[in-house]
């Protein structure tokens, strides 16, 4: 009996084969993997998302209003260009 990991690898192989047959030559390996992950999110992703939202709401209840987007954007871009 195949393991879940082996089944997932086989499904990913079929996905890539379909992309190649469809002449998705402009799709990089990273883009193909991103598309696969978008179509096949991990089973625990909703749990992690819900936990992150709960944590953010708890922080807000404690008075933490986070960072304004324009400040975050500047810092993010600065870090990305370093």
N, C-alpha and C. Protein backbone atom coordinates (compact mmCIF):
# COMPACT_ATOMS: atom_id res chain seq x y z
N UNK A 1 0.84 -1.17 0.00
CA UNK A 1 0.00 0.00 0.00
C UNK A 1 0.89 1.25 0.00
N UNK A 2 0.70 2.15 -0.97
CA UNK A 2 1.54 3.35 -1.04
C UNK A 2 1.29 4.27 0.15
N UNK A 3 2.35 4.91 0.59
CA UNK A 3 2.24 5.87 1.69
C UNK A 3 1.64 7.17 1.16
N UNK A 4 1.10 8.00 2.07
CA UNK A 4 0.55 9.29 1.62
C UNK A 4 1.59 10.16 0.91
N UNK A 5 2.85 10.12 1.38
CA UNK A 5 3.90 10.90 0.74
C UNK A 5 4.14 10.42 -0.68
N UNK A 6 4.17 9.10 -0.87
CA UNK A 6 4.37 8.54 -2.21
C UNK A 6 3.21 8.92 -3.13
N UNK A 7 2.00 8.86 -2.61
CA UNK A 7 0.83 9.25 -3.40
C UNK A 7 0.90 10.73 -3.79
N UNK A 8 1.34 11.56 -2.84
CA UNK A 8 1.45 12.99 -3.15
C UNK A 8 2.51 13.24 -4.22
N UNK A 9 3.62 12.53 -4.14
CA UNK A 9 4.66 12.67 -5.16
C UNK A 9 4.16 12.22 -6.53
N UNK A 10 3.41 11.14 -6.56
CA UNK A 10 2.85 10.67 -7.83
C UNK A 10 1.86 11.70 -8.40
N UNK A 11 1.04 12.27 -7.54
CA UNK A 11 0.09 13.29 -7.99
C UNK A 11 0.84 14.52 -8.51
N UNK A 12 1.90 14.90 -7.83
CA UNK A 12 2.70 16.04 -8.28
C UNK A 12 3.35 15.74 -9.63
N UNK A 13 3.81 14.52 -9.80
CA UNK A 13 4.39 14.10 -11.08
C UNK A 13 3.36 14.20 -12.19
N UNK A 14 2.13 13.74 -11.93
CA UNK A 14 1.06 13.85 -12.94
C UNK A 14 0.77 15.32 -13.25
N UNK A 15 0.74 16.16 -12.22
CA UNK A 15 0.51 17.59 -12.38
C UNK A 15 1.57 18.19 -13.30
N UNK A 16 2.83 17.89 -13.02
CA UNK A 16 3.91 18.42 -13.85
C UNK A 16 3.84 17.89 -15.28
N UNK A 17 3.51 16.62 -15.42
CA UNK A 17 3.38 16.04 -16.76
C UNK A 17 2.29 16.74 -17.56
N UNK A 18 1.18 17.04 -16.90
CA UNK A 18 0.10 17.76 -17.57
C UNK A 18 0.55 19.16 -17.99
N UNK A 19 1.32 19.83 -17.13
CA UNK A 19 1.84 21.16 -17.46
C UNK A 19 2.75 21.09 -18.68
N UNK A 20 3.61 20.10 -18.73
CA UNK A 20 4.53 19.95 -19.86
C UNK A 20 3.75 19.63 -21.13
N UNK A 21 2.77 18.75 -21.04
CA UNK A 21 1.94 18.43 -22.22
C UNK A 21 1.18 19.64 -22.71
N UNK A 22 0.79 20.51 -21.79
CA UNK A 22 0.04 21.72 -22.16
C UNK A 22 0.97 22.82 -22.66
N UNK A 23 2.23 22.47 -22.83
CA UNK A 23 3.24 23.41 -23.34
C UNK A 23 3.37 24.64 -22.44
N UNK A 24 3.43 24.41 -21.16
CA UNK A 24 3.62 25.52 -20.22
C UNK A 24 5.10 25.82 -20.09
N UNK A 25 5.74 26.04 -21.24
CA UNK A 25 7.19 26.25 -21.26
C UNK A 25 7.59 27.53 -20.55
N UNK A 26 6.68 28.47 -20.42
CA UNK A 26 7.01 29.73 -19.76
C UNK A 26 6.87 29.64 -18.24
N UNK A 27 6.54 28.46 -17.74
CA UNK A 27 6.35 28.25 -16.31
C UNK A 27 7.66 27.73 -15.71
N UNK A 28 8.24 28.48 -14.78
CA UNK A 28 9.48 28.03 -14.13
C UNK A 28 9.16 26.92 -13.13
N UNK A 29 10.17 26.16 -12.72
CA UNK A 29 9.92 25.13 -11.71
C UNK A 29 9.33 25.72 -10.43
N UNK A 30 9.81 26.90 -10.03
CA UNK A 30 9.28 27.53 -8.82
C UNK A 30 7.82 27.91 -8.99
N UNK A 31 7.47 28.42 -10.18
CA UNK A 31 6.08 28.80 -10.44
C UNK A 31 5.18 27.56 -10.46
N UNK A 32 5.68 26.46 -11.03
CA UNK A 32 4.91 25.22 -11.04
C UNK A 32 4.67 24.73 -9.62
N UNK A 33 5.70 24.79 -8.79
CA UNK A 33 5.55 24.37 -7.39
C UNK A 33 4.59 25.28 -6.65
N UNK A 34 4.68 26.59 -6.88
CA UNK A 34 3.74 27.53 -6.25
C UNK A 34 2.31 27.22 -6.65
N UNK A 35 2.09 26.93 -7.93
CA UNK A 35 0.74 26.61 -8.40
C UNK A 35 0.25 25.31 -7.75
N UNK A 36 1.12 24.32 -7.66
CA UNK A 36 0.76 23.06 -7.00
C UNK A 36 0.36 23.32 -5.55
N UNK A 37 1.17 24.08 -4.84
CA UNK A 37 0.88 24.35 -3.43
C UNK A 37 -0.42 25.13 -3.25
N UNK A 38 -0.70 26.02 -4.20
CA UNK A 38 -1.95 26.78 -4.11
C UNK A 38 -3.14 25.85 -4.31
N UNK A 39 -3.01 24.90 -5.22
CA UNK A 39 -4.11 23.97 -5.50
C UNK A 39 -4.21 22.85 -4.46
N UNK A 40 -3.13 22.58 -3.73
CA UNK A 40 -3.09 21.48 -2.77
C UNK A 40 -2.51 21.97 -1.44
N UNK A 41 -3.22 22.83 -0.73
CA UNK A 41 -2.68 23.33 0.54
C UNK A 41 -2.59 22.20 1.56
N UNK A 42 -1.64 22.32 2.50
CA UNK A 42 -1.52 21.29 3.53
C UNK A 42 -2.80 21.18 4.34
N UNK A 43 -3.09 20.01 4.83
CA UNK A 43 -4.32 19.77 5.58
C UNK A 43 -4.38 20.62 6.85
N UNK A 44 -3.21 20.95 7.42
CA UNK A 44 -3.22 21.73 8.65
C UNK A 44 -3.18 23.23 8.40
N UNK A 45 -3.21 23.68 7.16
CA UNK A 45 -3.15 25.11 6.84
C UNK A 45 -4.29 25.90 7.48
N UNK A 46 -5.53 25.43 7.41
CA UNK A 46 -6.61 26.20 8.06
C UNK A 46 -6.40 26.35 9.57
N UNK A 47 -5.88 25.32 10.22
CA UNK A 47 -5.61 25.39 11.66
C UNK A 47 -4.56 26.45 11.95
N UNK A 48 -3.50 26.47 11.15
CA UNK A 48 -2.44 27.46 11.34
C UNK A 48 -2.97 28.87 11.08
N UNK A 49 -3.78 29.02 10.05
CA UNK A 49 -4.35 30.33 9.73
C UNK A 49 -5.24 30.82 10.86
N UNK A 50 -6.08 29.94 11.37
CA UNK A 50 -6.99 30.31 12.46
C UNK A 50 -6.19 30.68 13.71
N UNK A 51 -5.11 29.95 13.98
CA UNK A 51 -4.28 30.27 15.14
C UNK A 51 -3.63 31.64 14.98
N UNK A 52 -3.18 31.96 13.78
CA UNK A 52 -2.56 33.27 13.54
C UNK A 52 -3.58 34.40 13.71
N UNK A 53 -4.80 34.18 13.24
CA UNK A 53 -5.85 35.20 13.40
C UNK A 53 -6.19 35.38 14.88
N UNK A 54 -6.31 34.26 15.61
CA UNK A 54 -6.60 34.35 17.05
C UNK A 54 -5.49 35.11 17.78
N UNK A 55 -4.24 34.83 17.43
CA UNK A 55 -3.11 35.52 18.06
C UNK A 55 -3.16 37.02 17.77
N UNK A 56 -3.45 37.39 16.52
CA UNK A 56 -3.54 38.81 16.16
C UNK A 56 -4.69 39.48 16.91
N UNK A 57 -5.81 38.80 17.03
CA UNK A 57 -6.94 39.38 17.77
C UNK A 57 -6.62 39.53 19.25
N UNK A 58 -5.92 38.56 19.82
CA UNK A 58 -5.49 38.67 21.21
C UNK A 58 -4.56 39.87 21.39
N UNK A 59 -3.61 40.04 20.46
CA UNK A 59 -2.70 41.18 20.53
C UNK A 59 -3.47 42.49 20.46
N UNK A 60 -4.45 42.57 19.57
CA UNK A 60 -5.25 43.79 19.45
C UNK A 60 -6.02 44.06 20.75
N UNK A 61 -6.53 43.01 21.37
CA UNK A 61 -7.28 43.17 22.62
C UNK A 61 -6.38 43.69 23.73
N UNK A 62 -5.08 43.40 23.62
CA UNK A 62 -4.11 43.87 24.61
C UNK A 62 -3.57 45.25 24.26
N UNK A 63 -4.09 45.87 23.19
CA UNK A 63 -3.67 47.21 22.83
C UNK A 63 -2.66 47.31 21.71
N UNK A 64 -2.16 46.18 21.22
CA UNK A 64 -1.18 46.21 20.14
C UNK A 64 -1.92 46.47 18.82
N UNK A 65 -1.66 47.58 18.22
CA UNK A 65 -2.31 47.94 16.96
C UNK A 65 -1.45 47.62 15.75
N UNK A 66 -0.32 46.96 15.98
CA UNK A 66 0.52 46.57 14.86
C UNK A 66 1.29 47.74 14.28
N UNK A 67 1.63 47.61 13.02
CA UNK A 67 2.44 48.59 12.31
C UNK A 67 1.66 49.11 11.12
N UNK A 68 1.68 50.41 10.90
CA UNK A 68 1.02 50.94 9.69
C UNK A 68 1.61 50.31 8.42
N UNK A 69 0.78 50.08 7.44
CA UNK A 69 1.24 49.40 6.24
C UNK A 69 2.39 50.14 5.57
N UNK A 70 2.32 51.48 5.48
CA UNK A 70 3.40 52.20 4.78
C UNK A 70 4.74 52.01 5.49
N UNK A 71 4.73 51.91 6.81
CA UNK A 71 5.97 51.65 7.55
C UNK A 71 6.46 50.23 7.27
N UNK A 72 5.53 49.27 7.32
CA UNK A 72 5.89 47.88 7.02
C UNK A 72 6.47 47.78 5.62
N UNK A 73 5.81 48.43 4.66
CA UNK A 73 6.24 48.36 3.26
C UNK A 73 7.65 48.90 3.10
N UNK A 74 7.94 50.04 3.71
CA UNK A 74 9.28 50.62 3.62
C UNK A 74 10.33 49.67 4.21
N UNK A 75 10.05 49.14 5.39
CA UNK A 75 10.99 48.24 6.04
C UNK A 75 11.16 46.94 5.26
N UNK A 76 10.08 46.44 4.73
CA UNK A 76 10.14 45.21 3.95
C UNK A 76 10.99 45.41 2.69
N UNK A 77 10.74 46.51 1.98
CA UNK A 77 11.49 46.78 0.76
C UNK A 77 12.97 47.02 1.07
N UNK A 78 13.25 47.69 2.17
CA UNK A 78 14.64 47.93 2.57
C UNK A 78 15.33 46.60 2.85
N UNK A 79 14.67 45.72 3.57
CA UNK A 79 15.25 44.41 3.89
C UNK A 79 15.42 43.56 2.65
N UNK A 80 14.47 43.66 1.72
CA UNK A 80 14.54 42.85 0.50
C UNK A 80 15.67 43.32 -0.40
N UNK A 81 16.01 44.61 -0.36
CA UNK A 81 17.06 45.11 -1.23
C UNK A 81 18.45 44.95 -0.62
N UNK A 82 18.52 44.52 0.64
CA UNK A 82 19.82 44.35 1.31
C UNK A 82 20.50 43.08 0.88
